[in-house]
Structures are given as C-alpha cells and as structure tokens.
Amino acid sequence: MKTPDMTQMQQDYAKLMTEQMGRMNQAMAEMVRLHAEATTHATRAIDEMAKMMKDSLTHAQQMTAELHKMSLDGTKRAADWMQPKA
C-alpha cells in the first residue's frame, strides 16, 4: 500500500481550509446582515412603543383635565342648587 506523499496531503489540506474559510466568510456575512436587520426591527419597535406611550400620556392628561372640569362644574351646580331662592 502506497502512502500519500506529504506535498499532496498539504495541498489537499490547504484546499479544504480555503473552502472552509469561504463558507465561514459567507456565514459571518449572513450573520452580520441578520443582526443589522434585527437591530432595525428592534429600533422601529422601540420608536413605536415610545410614540404609543407619549400618545397615551397625552390622552390621560386630556381625560384628567376633563374630569377636573366636570367635577368643578358638578360641584358648582350642586352649590348653586343649595342656595336659597328669593
């Protein structure tokens, strides 16, 4: 049985490593692309949540102001109703 010569083994190994490095580069490039895409989606989600929270706070402020107005109007009408009529 003939043993492979060292030069051929080194060439075969170099070829395998070159191919593997090419696959690793492709995989890493895909990971970078997916990470950038995930970051973009996360940023959009955060921006949308912030907008929703701001809108919610604005709405709550408007409702509170309306509640205060209604409470004062109701109290004033009750006070007017309790006043003796001439």
C-alpha atoms as a PDB file:
ATOM      1  CA  MET A   1       0.000   0.000   0.000  1.00  0.00           C
ATOM      2  CA  LYS A   2       1.362   3.324  -1.041  1.00  0.00           C
ATOM      3  CA  THR A   3       1.333   6.160   1.482  1.00  0.00           C
ATOM      4  CA  PRO A   4       0.298   9.564   0.157  1.00  0.00           C
ATOM      5  CA  ASP A   5       3.137  11.945  -0.229  1.00  0.00           C
ATOM      6  CA  MET A   6       3.350  14.876   2.144  1.00  0.00           C
ATOM      7  CA  THR A   7       3.059  17.521  -0.587  1.00  0.00           C
ATOM      8  CA  GLN A   8      -0.270  16.132  -1.815  1.00  0.00           C
ATOM      9  CA  MET A   9      -1.630  15.963   1.733  1.00  0.00           C
ATOM     10  CA  GLN A  10      -0.602  19.561   2.343  1.00  0.00           C
ATOM     11  CA  GLN A  11      -2.252  20.679  -0.890  1.00  0.00           C
ATOM     12  CA  ASP A  12      -5.448  18.783  -0.070  1.00  0.00           C
ATOM     13  CA  TYR A  13      -5.478  20.258   3.428  1.00  0.00           C
ATOM     14  CA  ALA A  14      -4.884  23.779   2.085  1.00  0.00           C
ATOM     15  CA  LYS A  15      -7.748  23.320  -0.380  1.00  0.00           C
ATOM     16  CA  LEU A  16     -10.105  22.110   2.383  1.00  0.00           C
ATOM     17  CA  MET A  17      -9.141  25.023   4.614  1.00  0.00           C
ATOM     18  CA  THR A  18      -9.647  27.539   1.794  1.00  0.00           C
ATOM     19  CA  GLU A  19     -13.100  26.123   1.102  1.00  0.00           C
ATOM     20  CA  GLN A  20     -13.967  26.145   4.803  1.00  0.00           C
ATOM     21  CA  MET A  21     -12.828  29.762   5.150  1.00  0.00           C
ATOM     22  CA  GLY A  22     -15.062  30.687   2.211  1.00  0.00           C
ATOM     23  CA  ARG A  23     -18.050  29.042   3.911  1.00  0.00           C
ATOM     24  CA  MET A  24     -17.221  30.748   7.200  1.00  0.00           C
ATOM     25  CA  ASN A  25     -16.999  34.134   5.466  1.00  0.00           C
ATOM     26  CA  GLN A  26     -20.423  33.546   3.886  1.00  0.00           C
ATOM     27  CA  ALA A  27     -21.899  32.517   7.232  1.00  0.00           C
ATOM     28  CA  MET A  28     -20.440  35.541   9.001  1.00  0.00           C
ATOM     29  CA  ALA A  29     -21.688  37.888   6.298  1.00  0.00           C
ATOM     30  CA  GLU A  30     -25.169  36.425   6.707  1.00  0.00           C
ATOM     31  CA  MET A  31     -24.945  36.827  10.487  1.00  0.00           C
ATOM     32  CA  VAL A  32     -23.961  40.473  10.077  1.00  0.00           C
ATOM     33  CA  ARG A  33     -26.908  41.033   7.710  1.00  0.00           C
ATOM     34  CA  LEU A  34     -29.360  39.335  10.073  1.00  0.00           C
ATOM     35  CA  HIS A  35     -28.027  41.286  13.059  1.00  0.00           C
ATOM     36  CA  ALA A  36     -28.450  44.571  11.205  1.00  0.00           C
ATOM     37  CA  GLU A  37     -31.981  43.572  10.229  1.00  0.00           C
ATOM     38  CA  ALA A  38     -32.836  42.617  13.824  1.00  0.00           C
ATOM     39  CA  THR A  39     -31.432  45.913  15.079  1.00  0.00           C
ATOM     40  CA  THR A  40     -33.554  47.822  12.572  1.00  0.00           C
ATOM     41  CA  HIS A  41     -36.693  45.950  13.643  1.00  0.00           C
ATOM     42  CA  ALA A  42     -35.931  46.484  17.332  1.00  0.00           C
ATOM     43  CA  THR A  43     -35.323  50.195  16.781  1.00  0.00           C
ATOM     44  CA  ARG A  44     -38.643  50.554  14.956  1.00  0.00           C
ATOM     45  CA  ALA A  45     -40.452  48.679  17.722  1.00  0.00           C
ATOM     46  CA  ILE A  46     -38.889  50.903  20.387  1.00  0.00           C
ATOM     47  CA  ASP A  47     -39.817  54.038  18.437  1.00  0.00           C
ATOM     48  CA  GLU A  48     -43.399  52.807  18.031  1.00  0.00           C
ATOM     49  CA  MET A  49     -43.692  51.939  21.737  1.00  0.00           C
ATOM     50  CA  ALA A  50     -42.354  55.379  22.681  1.00  0.00           C
ATOM     51  CA  LYS A  51     -44.899  57.040  20.389  1.00  0.00           C
ATOM     52  CA  MET A  52     -47.704  54.961  21.869  1.00  0.00           C
ATOM     53  CA  MET A  53     -46.620  55.873  25.413  1.00  0.00           C
ATOM     54  CA  LYS A  54     -46.481  59.577  24.552  1.00  0.00           C
ATOM     55  CA  ASP A  55     -49.926  59.373  22.949  1.00  0.00           C
ATOM     56  CA  SER A  56     -51.235  57.504  25.994  1.00  0.00           C
ATOM     57  CA  LEU A  57     -49.854  60.145  28.361  1.00  0.00           C
ATOM     58  CA  THR A  58     -51.360  62.944  26.267  1.00  0.00           C
ATOM     59  CA  HIS A  59     -54.732  61.188  26.279  1.00  0.00           C
ATOM     60  CA  ALA A  60     -54.563  60.587  30.048  1.00  0.00           C
ATOM     61  CA  GLN A  61     -53.737  64.261  30.592  1.00  0.00           C
ATOM     62  CA  GLN A  62     -56.724  65.305  28.467  1.00  0.00           C
ATOM     63  CA  MET A  63     -59.036  62.926  30.322  1.00  0.00           C
ATOM     64  CA  THR A  64     -57.787  64.171  33.699  1.00  0.00           C
ATOM     65  CA  ALA A  65     -58.363  67.780  32.680  1.00  0.00           C
ATOM     66  CA  GLU A  66     -61.902  66.885  31.540  1.00  0.00           C
ATOM     67  CA  LEU A  67     -62.563  65.036  34.806  1.00  0.00           C
ATOM     68  CA  HIS A  68     -61.400  68.044  36.817  1.00  0.00           C
ATOM     69  CA  LYS A  69     -63.618  70.343  34.749  1.00  0.00           C
ATOM     70  CA  MET A  70     -66.645  68.053  35.177  1.00  0.00           C
ATOM     71  CA  SER A  71     -66.021  67.770  38.925  1.00  0.00           C
ATOM     72  CA  LEU A  72     -65.798  71.527  39.343  1.00  0.00           C
ATOM     73  CA  ASP A  73     -68.895  72.099  37.192  1.00  0.00           C
ATOM     74  CA  GLY A  74     -70.843  69.490  39.169  1.00  0.00           C
ATOM     75  CA  THR A  75     -69.763  70.965  42.489  1.00  0.00           C
ATOM     76  CA  LYS A  76     -70.692  74.472  41.313  1.00  0.00           C
ATOM     77  CA  ARG A  77     -74.149  73.322  40.154  1.00  0.00           C
ATOM     78  CA  ALA A  78     -74.706  71.493  43.429  1.00  0.00           C
ATOM     79  CA  ALA A  79     -73.687  74.620  45.362  1.00  0.00           C
ATOM     80  CA  ASP A  80     -75.968  76.786  43.205  1.00  0.00           C
ATOM     81  CA  TRP A  81     -78.836  74.353  43.719  1.00  0.00           C
ATOM     82  CA  MET A  82     -78.358  74.530  47.503  1.00  0.00           C
ATOM     83  CA  GLN A  83     -78.571  78.340  47.539  1.00  0.00           C
ATOM     84  CA  PRO A  84     -81.873  79.652  48.819  1.00  0.00           C
ATOM     85  CA  LYS A  85     -84.107  81.071  46.127  1.00  0.00           C
ATOM     86  CA  ALA A  86     -85.505  84.515  46.613  1.00  0.00           C
END
